[in-house]
Amino acid sequence: MRIYVLIVMVMLLFCGRSYAQQGDGGRWQICRLDSIYEQAWDTTAGIWVPLTLIHRTHDADRYLIRSEVQRWDGSAWPAASQVDSFSYDVDGNFVNDVTRIWNGTVWTTYQATYSYDAAAHRTGMVYQSWNGTGWDNLQQNTYSYDANGYLTGQETQVWSASQWISNIRYTYTNNANGLPTLLLIEVYSSGQWTNYSRYTYSYDGSGYETSVAIDRWDGTQFQNQYRETFANNASGFHNEMLTEWYTGSGWRNHKKSTYYHECTAAGIREVEATALSVYPNPFTDHLDVSERSPYRLYDMLGQEVYSSAGAVGLSSLPAGQYTLLTGTGAVRVTKINK
């Protein structure tokens, strides 16, 4: 059984325009993730040691357009060994990532190209490598959604002998807010799908992600493999992630990631809408939002009046215009009416 290992492109989940609303006397703040500092646990010395630095560059509209990765060589930070360049369509959907990786001698170039449907749901991804004169296929993903627009599945195929071959399948179970609670990963082997690993997600009362437990299938049952625990800021953005490995008798530190955001105070009218499917608009007693994340509504004074993680119904809100803010990573907003 062989699992195709895709070269990881840096922080694709954080592509796009990054927004947050944080406590500032009811005023808005626009936040962006500027850098990530990762440390590895030295089991011999029992201390954290530098691992990687990720620097992110944004354009004037605060879209991520470039990411550079530096890897600690034991005494200093050498030049970036991985550089990603990102591009978007006219609706703000992330459509292309060109990745260049330095192997010590030459740069190797890869690209991922994404496609979307009319509701801005990601439908496909093709991953390719540059051979010097053209692009060679490596991998493709197709995505599926339920009636609410929540992601429920992804199938990965690899390119082999001039055709696409089934390789990995992802199946999501979501809660009422569209957040994943369980992810089952299966591999295609000997003509059938077999268990490989399982992810279990946990959230706090505001719907912000607090931990992920990752279990590996041993042929009979799922066993602890590693877990990730998050510390979040007031808007649900990750400030820190701790990764721990299971040793067979307990948990051991493995990696720690620290996220650095830059926030700028802004009035609510300065927050621009991006491509986000929300219906019906105007609404009465319910909303369907094309995001796998909790959302909040703010009135024209910038006060939060509704949270999808709370118990208050939409029907109790007065008629008027509201701003909808959604996301625990890259946050998007749009104007809606009742």
C-alpha atoms as a PDB file:
ATOM      1  CA  MET A   1       0.000   0.000   0.000  1.00  0.00           C
ATOM      2  CA  ARG A   2       1.488   3.340  -1.047  1.00  0.00           C
ATOM      3  CA  ILE A   3       0.199   6.721   0.014  1.00  0.00           C
ATOM      4  CA  TYR A   4       1.094   9.577  -2.292  1.00  0.00           C
ATOM      5  CA  VAL A   5       2.745  12.338  -0.274  1.00  0.00           C
ATOM      6  CA  LEU A   6       2.004  15.814  -1.566  1.00  0.00           C
ATOM      7  CA  ILE A   7       4.649  18.468  -0.937  1.00  0.00           C
ATOM      8  CA  VAL A   8       2.960  20.780   1.528  1.00  0.00           C
ATOM      9  CA  MET A   9       2.238  24.274   0.296  1.00  0.00           C
ATOM     10  CA  VAL A  10       2.544  26.812   3.077  1.00  0.00           C
ATOM     11  CA  MET A  11      -0.615  27.775   4.927  1.00  0.00           C
ATOM     12  CA  LEU A  12      -3.119  27.435   2.094  1.00  0.00           C
ATOM     13  CA  LEU A  13      -5.905  27.589   4.637  1.00  0.00           C
ATOM     14  CA  PHE A  14      -4.930  31.160   5.350  1.00  0.00           C
ATOM     15  CA  CYS A  15      -5.012  32.398   1.764  1.00  0.00           C
ATOM     16  CA  GLY A  16      -7.172  35.322   0.802  1.00  0.00           C
ATOM     17  CA  ARG A  17      -8.024  38.533   2.603  1.00  0.00           C
ATOM     18  CA  SER A  18      -7.764  38.227   6.387  1.00  0.00           C
ATOM     19  CA  TYR A  19     -10.178  40.054   8.665  1.00  0.00           C
ATOM     20  CA  ALA A  20     -11.078  39.927  12.329  1.00  0.00           C
ATOM     21  CA  GLN A  21     -13.338  41.872  14.640  1.00  0.00           C
ATOM     22  CA  GLN A  22     -11.884  42.231  18.106  1.00  0.00           C
ATOM     23  CA  GLY A  23     -12.952  43.993  21.275  1.00  0.00           C
ATOM     24  CA  ASP A  24     -12.117  47.676  20.853  1.00  0.00           C
ATOM     25  CA  GLY A  25     -15.071  49.610  22.225  1.00  0.00           C
ATOM     26  CA  GLY A  26     -17.340  48.248  19.495  1.00  0.00           C
ATOM     27  CA  ARG A  27     -14.965  49.336  16.707  1.00  0.00           C
ATOM     28  CA  TRP A  28     -13.669  47.040  14.026  1.00  0.00           C
ATOM     29  CA  GLN A  29     -10.125  45.848  13.610  1.00  0.00           C
ATOM     30  CA  ILE A  30      -8.782  44.422  10.373  1.00  0.00           C
ATOM     31  CA  CYS A  31      -6.222  41.720  11.132  1.00  0.00           C
ATOM     32  CA  ARG A  32      -3.856  39.753   8.943  1.00  0.00           C
ATOM     33  CA  LEU A  33      -1.531  36.865   9.692  1.00  0.00           C
ATOM     34  CA  ASP A  34       1.967  38.173   8.965  1.00  0.00           C
ATOM     35  CA  SER A  35       4.295  35.449  10.223  1.00  0.00           C
ATOM     36  CA  ILE A  36       4.523  32.043  11.876  1.00  0.00           C
ATOM     37  CA  TYR A  37       7.350  30.854  14.113  1.00  0.00           C
ATOM     38  CA  GLU A  38       7.689  27.093  14.566  1.00  0.00           C
ATOM     39  CA  GLN A  39       9.790  25.311  17.166  1.00  0.00           C
ATOM     40  CA  ALA A  40      10.659  21.633  17.585  1.00  0.00           C
ATOM     41  CA  TRP A  41      10.964  19.840  20.905  1.00  0.00           C
ATOM     42  CA  ASP A  42      14.507  18.672  21.715  1.00  0.00           C
ATOM     43  CA  THR A  43      13.847  15.449  23.613  1.00  0.00           C
ATOM     44  CA  THR A  44      17.459  15.223  24.830  1.00  0.00           C
ATOM     45  CA  ALA A  45      17.763  18.749  26.220  1.00  0.00           C
ATOM     46  CA  GLY A  46      14.077  19.044  27.083  1.00  0.00           C
ATOM     47  CA  ILE A  47      13.740  22.478  25.455  1.00  0.00           C
ATOM     48  CA  TRP A  48      12.137  24.090  22.419  1.00  0.00           C
ATOM     49  CA  VAL A  49      14.544  24.830  19.549  1.00  0.00           C
ATOM     50  CA  PRO A  50      13.973  26.916  16.367  1.00  0.00           C
ATOM     51  CA  LEU A  51      12.553  25.060  13.381  1.00  0.00           C
ATOM     52  CA  THR A  52      11.027  27.346  10.727  1.00  0.00           C
ATOM     53  CA  LEU A  53      10.038  30.972  10.101  1.00  0.00           C
ATOM     54  CA  ILE A  54       7.226  31.730   7.674  1.00  0.00           C
ATOM     55  CA  HIS A  55       6.986  35.296   6.367  1.00  0.00           C
ATOM     56  CA  ARG A  56       3.808  36.417   4.562  1.00  0.00           C
ATOM     57  CA  THR A  57       3.391  39.379   2.185  1.00  0.00           C
ATOM     58  CA  HIS A  58       0.031  40.985   1.369  1.00  0.00           C
ATOM     59  CA  ASP A  59      -1.112  43.379  -1.353  1.00  0.00           C
ATOM     60  CA  ALA A  60      -2.896  46.699  -0.803  1.00  0.00           C
ATOM     61  CA  ASP A  61      -6.215  44.871  -0.445  1.00  0.00           C
ATOM     62  CA  ARG A  62      -4.695  42.622   2.234  1.00  0.00           C
ATOM     63  CA  TYR A  63      -4.676  39.496   0.078  1.00  0.00           C
ATOM     64  CA  LEU A  64      -1.833  37.087   0.720  1.00  0.00           C
ATOM     65  CA  ILE A  65       0.389  37.110  -2.367  1.00  0.00           C
ATOM     66  CA  ARG A  66       3.682  35.605  -1.178  1.00  0.00           C
ATOM     67  CA  SER A  67       4.980  33.297   1.543  1.00  0.00           C
ATOM     68  CA  GLU A  68       8.614  32.481   2.323  1.00  0.00           C
ATOM     69  CA  VAL A  69       9.873  29.664   4.543  1.00  0.00           C
ATOM     70  CA  GLN A  70      13.242  29.764   6.318  1.00  0.00           C
ATOM     71  CA  ARG A  71      14.532  26.652   8.077  1.00  0.00           C
ATOM     72  CA  TRP A  72      16.887  26.890  11.063  1.00  0.00           C
ATOM     73  CA  ASP A  73      20.265  25.310  10.242  1.00  0.00           C
ATOM     74  CA  GLY A  74      21.383  25.002  13.866  1.00  0.00           C
ATOM     75  CA  SER A  75      23.020  28.397  14.177  1.00  0.00           C
ATOM     76  CA  ALA A  76      21.295  30.861  11.837  1.00  0.00           C
ATOM     77  CA  TRP A  77      18.355  31.488   9.499  1.00  0.00           C
ATOM     78  CA  PRO A  78      19.568  30.960   5.906  1.00  0.00           C
ATOM     79  CA  ALA A  79      17.751  32.319   2.860  1.00  0.00           C
ATOM     80  CA  ALA A  80      14.250  31.009   2.187  1.00  0.00           C
ATOM     81  CA  SER A  81      14.137  27.412   0.963  1.00  0.00           C
ATOM     82  CA  GLN A  82      10.484  27.548  -0.092  1.00  0.00           C
ATOM     83  CA  VAL A  83       8.657  30.422  -1.755  1.00  0.00           C
ATOM     84  CA  ASP A  84       4.933  30.439  -2.617  1.00  0.00           C
ATOM     85  CA  SER A  85       3.212  32.981  -4.875  1.00  0.00           C
ATOM     86  CA  PHE A  86      -0.600  33.216  -4.680  1.00  0.00           C
ATOM     87  CA  SER A  87      -3.180  34.592  -7.098  1.00  0.00           C
ATOM     88  CA  TYR A  88      -6.971  35.108  -7.075  1.00  0.00           C
ATOM     89  CA  ASP A  89      -9.889  35.506  -9.460  1.00  0.00           C
ATOM     90  CA  VAL A  90     -12.071  38.615  -9.733  1.00  0.00           C
ATOM     91  CA  ASP A  91     -14.328  37.328  -6.936  1.00  0.00           C
ATOM     92  CA  GLY A  92     -11.426  36.937  -4.512  1.00  0.00           C
ATOM     93  CA  ASN A  93     -11.299  33.142  -4.725  1.00  0.00           C
ATOM     94  CA  PHE A  94      -7.834  31.665  -4.279  1.00  0.00           C
ATOM     95  CA  VAL A  95      -7.077  30.003  -7.640  1.00  0.00           C
ATOM     96  CA  ASN A  96      -3.330  29.394  -7.961  1.00  0.00           C
ATOM     97  CA  ASP A  97      -0.246  28.709  -5.840  1.00  0.00           C
ATOM     98  CA  VAL A  98       3.163  28.447  -7.461  1.00  0.00           C
ATOM     99  CA  THR A  99       5.639  26.799  -5.071  1.00  0.00           C
ATOM    100  CA  ARG A 100       9.428  26.901  -5.533  1.00  0.00           C
ATOM    101  CA  ILE A 101      11.520  24.609  -3.303  1.00  0.00           C
ATOM    102  CA  TRP A 102      15.325  24.797  -2.958  1.00  0.00           C
ATOM    103  CA  ASN A 103      17.004  21.405  -2.576  1.00  0.00           C
ATOM    104  CA  GLY A 104      20.466  22.849  -1.981  1.00  0.00           C
ATOM    105  CA  THR A 105      21.396  22.930  -5.661  1.00  0.00           C
ATOM    106  CA  VAL A 106      18.396  23.933  -7.796  1.00  0.00           C
ATOM    107  CA  TRP A 107      14.862  25.209  -7.430  1.00  0.00           C
ATOM    108  CA  THR A 108      12.032  22.774  -8.123  1.00  0.00           C
ATOM    109  CA  THR A 109       8.723  24.353  -9.119  1.00  0.00           C
ATOM    110  CA  TYR A 110       5.179  23.116  -8.480  1.00  0.00           C
ATOM    111  CA  GLN A 111       1.764  24.652  -8.905  1.00  0.00           C
ATOM    112  CA  ALA A 112      -1.736  24.029  -7.579  1.00  0.00           C
ATOM    113  CA  THR A 113      -4.709  25.324  -9.568  1.00  0.00           C
ATOM    114  CA  TYR A 114      -8.177  25.500  -7.976  1.00  0.00           C
ATOM    115  CA  SER A 115     -11.655  25.677  -9.517  1.00  0.00           C
ATOM    116  CA  TYR A 116     -15.010  26.806  -8.062  1.00  0.00           C
ATOM    117  CA  ASP A 117     -18.725  26.582  -8.772  1.00  0.00           C
ATOM    118  CA  ALA A 118     -21.188  29.479  -8.984  1.00  0.00           C
ATOM    119  CA  ALA A 119     -21.681  29.421  -5.199  1.00  0.00           C
ATOM    120  CA  ALA A 120     -17.908  29.849  -4.638  1.00  0.00           C
ATOM    121  CA  HIS A 121     -17.534  26.251  -3.441  1.00  0.00           C
ATOM    122  CA  ARG A 122     -14.151  24.791  -4.296  1.00  0.00           C
ATOM    123  CA  THR A 123     -14.785  21.921  -6.718  1.00  0.00           C
ATOM    124  CA  GLY A 124     -11.340  20.837  -7.832  1.00  0.00           C
ATOM    125  CA  MET A 125      -7.570  21.164  -7.554  1.00  0.00           C
ATOM    126  CA  VAL A 126      -4.816  20.019  -9.915  1.00  0.00           C
ATOM    127  CA  TYR A 127      -1.245  19.781  -8.616  1.00  0.00           C
ATOM    128  CA  GLN A 128       1.614  19.759 -11.125  1.00  0.00           C
ATOM    129  CA  SER A 129       5.406  19.959 -11.367  1.00  0.00           C
ATOM    130  CA  TRP A 130       7.450  21.977 -13.874  1.00  0.00           C
ATOM    131  CA  ASN A 131       9.727  19.851 -16.104  1.00  0.00           C
ATOM    132  CA  GLY A 132      11.548  22.742 -17.742  1.00  0.00           C
ATOM    133  CA  THR A 133       9.212  23.124 -20.723  1.00  0.00           C
ATOM    134  CA  GLY A 134       5.764  22.290 -19.354  1.00  0.00           C
ATOM    135  CA  TRP A 135       3.677  21.080 -16.425  1.00  0.00           C
ATOM    136  CA  ASP A 136       3.462  17.392 -15.482  1.00  0.00           C
ATOM    137  CA  ASN A 137       0.390  16.150 -13.624  1.00  0.00           C
ATOM    138  CA  LEU A 138       0.973  14.825 -10.115  1.00  0.00           C
ATOM    139  CA  GLN A 139      -2.294  14.913  -8.209  1.00  0.00           C
ATOM    140  CA  GLN A 140      -5.870  16.112  -8.432  1.00  0.00           C
ATOM    141  CA  ASN A 141      -8.595  16.615  -5.821  1.00  0.00           C
ATOM    142  CA  THR A 142     -12.364  16.733  -6.251  1.00  0.00           C
ATOM    143  CA  TYR A 143     -14.637  18.071  -3.503  1.00  0.00           C
ATOM    144  CA  SER A 144     -18.253  17.343  -2.575  1.00  0.00           C
ATOM    145  CA  TYR A 145     -20.778  19.213  -0.409  1.00  0.00           C
ATOM    146  CA  ASP A 146     -24.128  18.629   1.259  1.00  0.00           C
ATOM    147  CA  ALA A 147     -27.348  20.579   0.644  1.00  0.00           C
ATOM    148  CA  ASN A 148     -26.170  23.291   3.074  1.00  0.00           C
ATOM    149  CA  GLY A 149     -22.947  23.813   1.145  1.00  0.00           C
ATOM    150  CA  TYR A 150     -20.799  22.189   3.840  1.00  0.00           C
ATOM    151  CA  LEU A 151     -17.776  20.214   2.686  1.00  0.00           C
ATOM    152  CA  THR A 152     -18.446  16.493   3.125  1.00  0.00           C
ATOM    153  CA  GLY A 153     -15.839  14.781   0.978  1.00  0.00           C
ATOM    154  CA  GLN A 154     -12.624  14.973  -0.994  1.00  0.00           C
ATOM    155  CA  GLU A 155     -11.101  12.363  -3.250  1.00  0.00           C
ATOM    156  CA  THR A 156      -7.437  12.510  -4.227  1.00  0.00           C
ATOM    157  CA  GLN A 157      -6.127  10.857  -7.368  1.00  0.00           C
ATOM    158  CA  VAL A 158      -2.527  10.556  -8.570  1.00  0.00           C
ATOM    159  CA  TRP A 159      -1.288  10.637 -12.140  1.00  0.00           C
ATOM    160  CA  SER A 160       0.134   7.311 -13.294  1.00  0.00           C
ATOM    161  CA  ALA A 161       0.671   5.868 -16.773  1.00  0.00           C
ATOM    162  CA  SER A 162      -1.255   8.729 -18.414  1.00  0.00           C
ATOM    163  CA  GLN A 163      -4.333   8.335 -16.234  1.00  0.00           C
ATOM    164  CA  TRP A 164      -5.708   9.354 -12.849  1.00  0.00           C
ATOM    165  CA  ILE A 165      -5.626   6.623 -10.187  1.00  0.00           C
ATOM    166  CA  SER A 166      -7.689   6.746  -6.963  1.00  0.00           C
ATOM    167  CA  ASN A 167      -5.424   7.222  -3.957  1.00  0.00           C
ATOM    168  CA  ILE A 168      -6.955   8.865  -0.853  1.00  0.00           C
ATOM    169  CA  ARG A 169     -10.513   9.632   0.251  1.00  0.00           C
ATOM    170  CA  TYR A 170     -11.572  12.141   2.923  1.00  0.00           C
ATOM    171  CA  THR A 171     -15.050  12.019   4.512  1.00  0.00           C
ATOM    172  CA  TYR A 172     -16.212  14.820   6.825  1.00  0.00           C
ATOM    173  CA  THR A 173     -18.920  14.790   9.479  1.00  0.00           C
ATOM    174  CA  ASN A 174     -20.060  18.320  10.347  1.00  0.00           C
ATOM    175  CA  ASN A 175     -22.017  19.891  13.178  1.00  0.00           C
ATOM    176  CA  ALA A 176     -25.048  22.153  12.759  1.00  0.00           C
ATOM    177  CA  ASN A 177     -22.781  25.144  12.084  1.00  0.00           C
ATOM    178  CA  GLY A 178     -20.957  23.336   9.289  1.00  0.00           C
ATOM    179  CA  LEU A 179     -17.796  22.814  11.318  1.00  0.00           C
ATOM    180  CA  PRO A 180     -16.116  19.413  10.937  1.00  0.00           C
ATOM    181  CA  THR A 181     -16.354  17.182  13.979  1.00  0.00           C
ATOM    182  CA  LEU A 182     -14.843  14.082  12.377  1.00  0.00           C
ATOM    183  CA  LEU A 183     -12.625  13.411   9.369  1.00  0.00           C
ATOM    184  CA  LEU A 184     -12.079   9.861   8.147  1.00  0.00           C
ATOM    185  CA  ILE A 185      -9.140   9.283   5.781  1.00  0.00           C
ATOM    186  CA  GLU A 186      -9.056   6.128   3.680  1.00  0.00           C
ATOM    187  CA  VAL A 187      -6.548   4.840   1.111  1.00  0.00           C
ATOM    188  CA  TYR A 188      -7.352   2.910  -2.037  1.00  0.00           C
ATOM    189  CA  SER A 189      -5.581  -0.449  -2.071  1.00  0.00           C
ATOM    190  CA  SER A 190      -6.220  -3.718  -3.901  1.00  0.00           C
ATOM    191  CA  GLY A 191      -9.440  -2.394  -5.378  1.00  0.00           C
ATOM    192  CA  GLN A 192     -11.031  -1.179  -2.147  1.00  0.00           C
ATOM    193  CA  TRP A 193     -10.971   1.681   0.354  1.00  0.00           C
ATOM    194  CA  THR A 194      -9.371   0.914   3.722  1.00  0.00           C
ATOM    195  CA  ASN A 195      -9.041   3.000   6.891  1.00  0.00           C
ATOM    196  CA  TYR A 196      -5.866   5.038   7.328  1.00  0.00           C
ATOM    197  CA  SER A 197      -6.425   7.751   9.951  1.00  0.00           C
ATOM    198  CA  ARG A 198      -9.130   9.687  11.798  1.00  0.00           C
ATOM    199  CA  TYR A 199      -9.296  13.329  12.933  1.00  0.00           C
ATOM    200  CA  THR A 200     -11.618  14.401  15.770  1.00  0.00           C
ATOM    201  CA  TYR A 201     -12.214  18.144  16.202  1.00  0.00           C
ATOM    202  CA  SER A 202     -13.219  20.027  19.364  1.00  0.00           C
ATOM    203  CA  TYR A 203     -14.568  23.586  19.783  1.00  0.00           C
ATOM    204  CA  ASP A 204     -15.326  25.980  22.600  1.00  0.00           C
ATOM    205  CA  GLY A 205     -18.691  27.611  23.320  1.00  0.00           C
ATOM    206  CA  SER A 206     -18.060  30.287  20.675  1.00  0.00           C
ATOM    207  CA  GLY A 207     -17.438  27.675  17.985  1.00  0.00           C
ATOM    208  CA  TYR A 208     -13.682  28.277  17.890  1.00  0.00           C
ATOM    209  CA  GLU A 209     -11.421  25.298  17.282  1.00  0.00           C
ATOM    210  CA  THR A 210      -9.569  24.206  20.421  1.00  0.00           C
ATOM    211  CA  SER A 211      -8.037  20.826  19.554  1.00  0.00           C
ATOM    212  CA  VAL A 212      -7.677  18.054  16.990  1.00  0.00           C
ATOM    213  CA  ALA A 213      -6.972  14.414  17.883  1.00  0.00           C
ATOM    214  CA  ILE A 214      -5.362  12.328  15.129  1.00  0.00           C
ATOM    215  CA  ASP A 215      -5.600   8.528  15.322  1.00  0.00           C
ATOM    216  CA  ARG A 216      -3.933   5.973  13.016  1.00  0.00           C
ATOM    217  CA  TRP A 217      -5.596   2.702  11.916  1.00  0.00           C
ATOM    218  CA  ASP A 218      -3.507  -0.300  12.970  1.00  0.00           C
ATOM    219  CA  GLY A 219      -5.440  -2.829  10.918  1.00  0.00           C
ATOM    220  CA  THR A 220      -7.926  -3.557  13.670  1.00  0.00           C
ATOM    221  CA  GLN A 221      -8.702  -0.312  15.459  1.00  0.00           C
ATOM    222  CA  PHE A 222      -7.756   3.359  15.668  1.00  0.00           C
ATOM    223  CA  GLN A 223      -4.819   4.168  17.967  1.00  0.00           C
ATOM    224  CA  ASN A 224      -3.582   7.524  19.301  1.00  0.00           C
ATOM    225  CA  GLN A 225      -0.972   9.091  17.027  1.00  0.00           C
ATOM    226  CA  TYR A 226      -0.736  12.821  17.788  1.00  0.00           C
ATOM    227  CA  ARG A 227      -2.865  15.763  18.834  1.00  0.00           C
ATOM    228  CA  GLU A 228      -2.954  19.509  18.252  1.00  0.00           C
ATOM    229  CA  THR A 229      -4.131  22.018  20.872  1.00  0.00           C
ATOM    230  CA  PHE A 230      -4.885  25.653  20.034  1.00  0.00           C
ATOM    231  CA  ALA A 231      -4.797  28.889  22.010  1.00  0.00           C
ATOM    232  CA  ASN A 232      -7.060  31.482  20.350  1.00  0.00           C
ATOM    233  CA  ASN A 233      -7.509  35.218  20.558  1.00  0.00           C
ATOM    234  CA  ALA A 234     -10.867  36.924  21.164  1.00  0.00           C
ATOM    235  CA  SER A 235     -11.865  36.541  17.500  1.00  0.00           C
ATOM    236  CA  GLY A 236     -11.032  32.846  17.266  1.00  0.00           C
ATOM    237  CA  PHE A 237      -7.739  33.308  15.440  1.00  0.00           C
ATOM    238  CA  HIS A 238      -5.060  30.828  16.486  1.00  0.00           C
ATOM    239  CA  ASN A 239      -2.315  32.455  18.558  1.00  0.00           C
ATOM    240  CA  GLU A 240      -0.497  29.200  19.196  1.00  0.00           C
ATOM    241  CA  MET A 241      -0.669  25.529  18.255  1.00  0.00           C
ATOM    242  CA  LEU A 242       0.970  22.764  20.289  1.00  0.00           C
ATOM    243  CA  THR A 243       1.554  19.404  18.580  1.00  0.00           C
ATOM    244  CA  GLU A 244       2.152  16.341  20.751  1.00  0.00           C
ATOM    245  CA  TRP A 245       2.991  12.738  19.773  1.00  0.00           C
ATOM    246  CA  TYR A 246       1.668   9.694  21.578  1.00  0.00           C
ATOM    247  CA  THR A 247       4.507   7.502  22.817  1.00  0.00           C
ATOM    248  CA  GLY A 248       2.405   4.489  23.744  1.00  0.00           C
ATOM    249  CA  SER A 249       2.167   5.479  27.387  1.00  0.00           C
ATOM    250  CA  GLY A 250       1.691   9.254  27.259  1.00  0.00           C
ATOM    251  CA  TRP A 251       1.983  12.455  25.242  1.00  0.00           C
ATOM    252  CA  ARG A 252       5.328  14.028  24.283  1.00  0.00           C
ATOM    253  CA  ASN A 253       5.956  17.540  22.924  1.00  0.00           C
ATOM    254  CA  HIS A 254       6.707  17.592  19.204  1.00  0.00           C
ATOM    255  CA  LYS A 255       6.196  21.059  17.694  1.00  0.00           C
ATOM    256  CA  LYS A 256       4.941  24.497  18.718  1.00  0.00           C
ATOM    257  CA  SER A 257       3.675  27.104  16.245  1.00  0.00           C
ATOM    258  CA  THR A 258       3.202  30.770  17.185  1.00  0.00           C
ATOM    259  CA  TYR A 259       1.086  33.006  14.924  1.00  0.00           C
ATOM    260  CA  TYR A 260       1.685  36.760  14.671  1.00  0.00           C
ATOM    261  CA  HIS A 261      -1.117  39.056  13.484  1.00  0.00           C
ATOM    262  CA  GLU A 262      -1.097  42.721  12.555  1.00  0.00           C
ATOM    263  CA  CYS A 263      -4.337  44.497  13.425  1.00  0.00           C
ATOM    264  CA  THR A 264      -5.485  47.963  12.395  1.00  0.00           C
ATOM    265  CA  ALA A 265      -8.479  49.765  13.888  1.00  0.00           C
ATOM    266  CA  ALA A 266     -11.135  50.597  11.297  1.00  0.00           C
ATOM    267  CA  GLY A 267     -14.741  51.746  11.152  1.00  0.00           C
ATOM    268  CA  ILE A 268     -17.311  49.187  10.087  1.00  0.00           C
ATOM    269  CA  ARG A 269     -17.797  50.906   6.724  1.00  0.00           C
ATOM    270  CA  GLU A 270     -14.141  50.284   5.873  1.00  0.00           C
ATOM    271  CA  VAL A 271     -14.599  46.518   5.878  1.00  0.00           C
ATOM    272  CA  GLU A 272     -15.276  45.512   2.277  1.00  0.00           C
ATOM    273  CA  ALA A 273     -17.361  42.548   1.133  1.00  0.00           C
ATOM    274  CA  THR A 274     -15.704  39.581  -0.539  1.00  0.00           C
ATOM    275  CA  ALA A 275     -17.147  36.630  -2.448  1.00  0.00           C
ATOM    276  CA  LEU A 276     -19.453  34.923   0.031  1.00  0.00           C
ATOM    277  CA  SER A 277     -22.710  33.126  -0.701  1.00  0.00           C
ATOM    278  CA  VAL A 278     -25.434  34.035   1.822  1.00  0.00           C
ATOM    279  CA  TYR A 279     -29.110  33.306   1.257  1.00  0.00           C
ATOM    280  CA  PRO A 280     -31.892  34.213   1.551  1.00  0.00           C
ATOM    281  CA  ASN A 281     -31.074  37.921   1.431  1.00  0.00           C
ATOM    282  CA  PRO A 282     -33.190  39.570   2.802  1.00  0.00           C
ATOM    283  CA  PHE A 283     -33.629  36.903   5.488  1.00  0.00           C
ATOM    284  CA  THR A 284     -36.366  36.229   8.016  1.00  0.00           C
ATOM    285  CA  ASP A 285     -35.670  33.354  10.417  1.00  0.00           C
ATOM    286  CA  HIS A 286     -32.693  31.470   8.899  1.00  0.00           C
ATOM    287  CA  LEU A 287     -29.511  31.933   6.859  1.00  0.00           C
ATOM    288  CA  ASP A 288     -27.441  29.571   4.725  1.00  0.00           C
ATOM    289  CA  VAL A 289     -23.797  30.591   4.535  1.00  0.00           C
ATOM    290  CA  SER A 290     -21.196  29.106   2.168  1.00  0.00           C
ATOM    291  CA  GLU A 291     -18.530  28.752   4.861  1.00  0.00           C
ATOM    292  CA  ARG A 292     -17.576  25.843   7.108  1.00  0.00           C
ATOM    293  CA  SER A 293     -17.344  28.107  10.155  1.00  0.00           C
ATOM    294  CA  PRO A 294     -19.507  29.924  12.702  1.00  0.00           C
ATOM    295  CA  TYR A 295     -20.728  33.383  11.813  1.00  0.00           C
ATOM    296  CA  ARG A 296     -21.849  36.523  13.604  1.00  0.00           C
ATOM    297  CA  LEU A 297     -24.092  39.440  12.722  1.00  0.00           C
ATOM    298  CA  TYR A 298     -23.342  43.068  13.579  1.00  0.00           C
ATOM    299  CA  ASP A 299     -25.732  45.997  13.368  1.00  0.00           C
ATOM    300  CA  MET A 300     -24.891  49.357  11.788  1.00  0.00           C
ATOM    301  CA  LEU A 301     -23.343  50.526  15.063  1.00  0.00           C
ATOM    302  CA  GLY A 302     -20.864  47.659  14.981  1.00  0.00           C
ATOM    303  CA  GLN A 303     -22.475  45.834  17.889  1.00  0.00           C
ATOM    304  CA  GLU A 304     -22.695  42.038  17.764  1.00  0.00           C
ATOM    305  CA  VAL A 305     -26.392  41.085  17.759  1.00  0.00           C
ATOM    306  CA  TYR A 306     -26.295  37.395  16.770  1.00  0.00           C
ATOM    307  CA  SER A 307     -23.947  34.404  16.868  1.00  0.00           C
ATOM    308  CA  SER A 308     -24.665  31.130  15.062  1.00  0.00           C
ATOM    309  CA  ALA A 309     -23.134  29.365  18.074  1.00  0.00           C
ATOM    310  CA  GLY A 310     -25.643  31.008  20.436  1.00  0.00           C
ATOM    311  CA  ALA A 311     -29.262  30.350  21.344  1.00  0.00           C
ATOM    312  CA  VAL A 312     -30.885  33.591  20.097  1.00  0.00           C
ATOM    313  CA  GLY A 313     -32.935  33.141  16.916  1.00  0.00           C
ATOM    314  CA  LEU A 314     -32.670  35.314  13.812  1.00  0.00           C
ATOM    315  CA  SER A 315     -36.411  35.928  13.854  1.00  0.00           C
ATOM    316  CA  SER A 316     -36.012  38.145  16.927  1.00  0.00           C
ATOM    317  CA  LEU A 317     -33.774  40.651  15.114  1.00  0.00           C
ATOM    318  CA  PRO A 318     -35.384  43.910  13.943  1.00  0.00           C
ATOM    319  CA  ALA A 319     -35.548  44.819  10.253  1.00  0.00           C
ATOM    320  CA  GLY A 320     -32.474  46.588   8.935  1.00  0.00           C
ATOM    321  CA  GLN A 321     -29.027  46.114   7.436  1.00  0.00           C
ATOM    322  CA  TYR A 322     -26.441  43.842   9.072  1.00  0.00           C
ATOM    323  CA  THR A 323     -22.829  42.880   8.512  1.00  0.00           C
ATOM    324  CA  LEU A 324     -22.118  39.142   8.512  1.00  0.00           C
ATOM    325  CA  LEU A 325     -18.652  38.067   9.591  1.00  0.00           C
ATOM    326  CA  THR A 326     -17.526  34.479   9.279  1.00  0.00           C
ATOM    327  CA  GLY A 327     -14.417  32.379   9.783  1.00  0.00           C
ATOM    328  CA  THR A 328     -11.884  31.252  12.359  1.00  0.00           C
ATOM    329  CA  GLY A 329      -8.933  31.673  10.025  1.00  0.00           C
ATOM    330  CA  ALA A 330      -9.325  34.064   7.076  1.00  0.00           C
ATOM    331  CA  VAL A 331     -12.525  35.980   7.856  1.00  0.00           C
ATOM    332  CA  ARG A 332     -14.903  37.298   5.207  1.00  0.00           C
ATOM    333  CA  VAL A 333     -17.772  39.756   5.536  1.00  0.00           C
ATOM    334  CA  THR A 334     -20.768  40.800   3.504  1.00  0.00           C
ATOM    335  CA  LYS A 335     -23.823  43.075   3.902  1.00  0.00           C
ATOM    336  CA  ILE A 336     -27.241  41.438   4.333  1.00  0.00           C
ATOM    337  CA  ASN A 337     -30.735  42.742   5.048  1.00  0.00           C
ATOM    338  CA  LYS A 338     -33.820  41.739   6.975  1.00  0.00           C
END
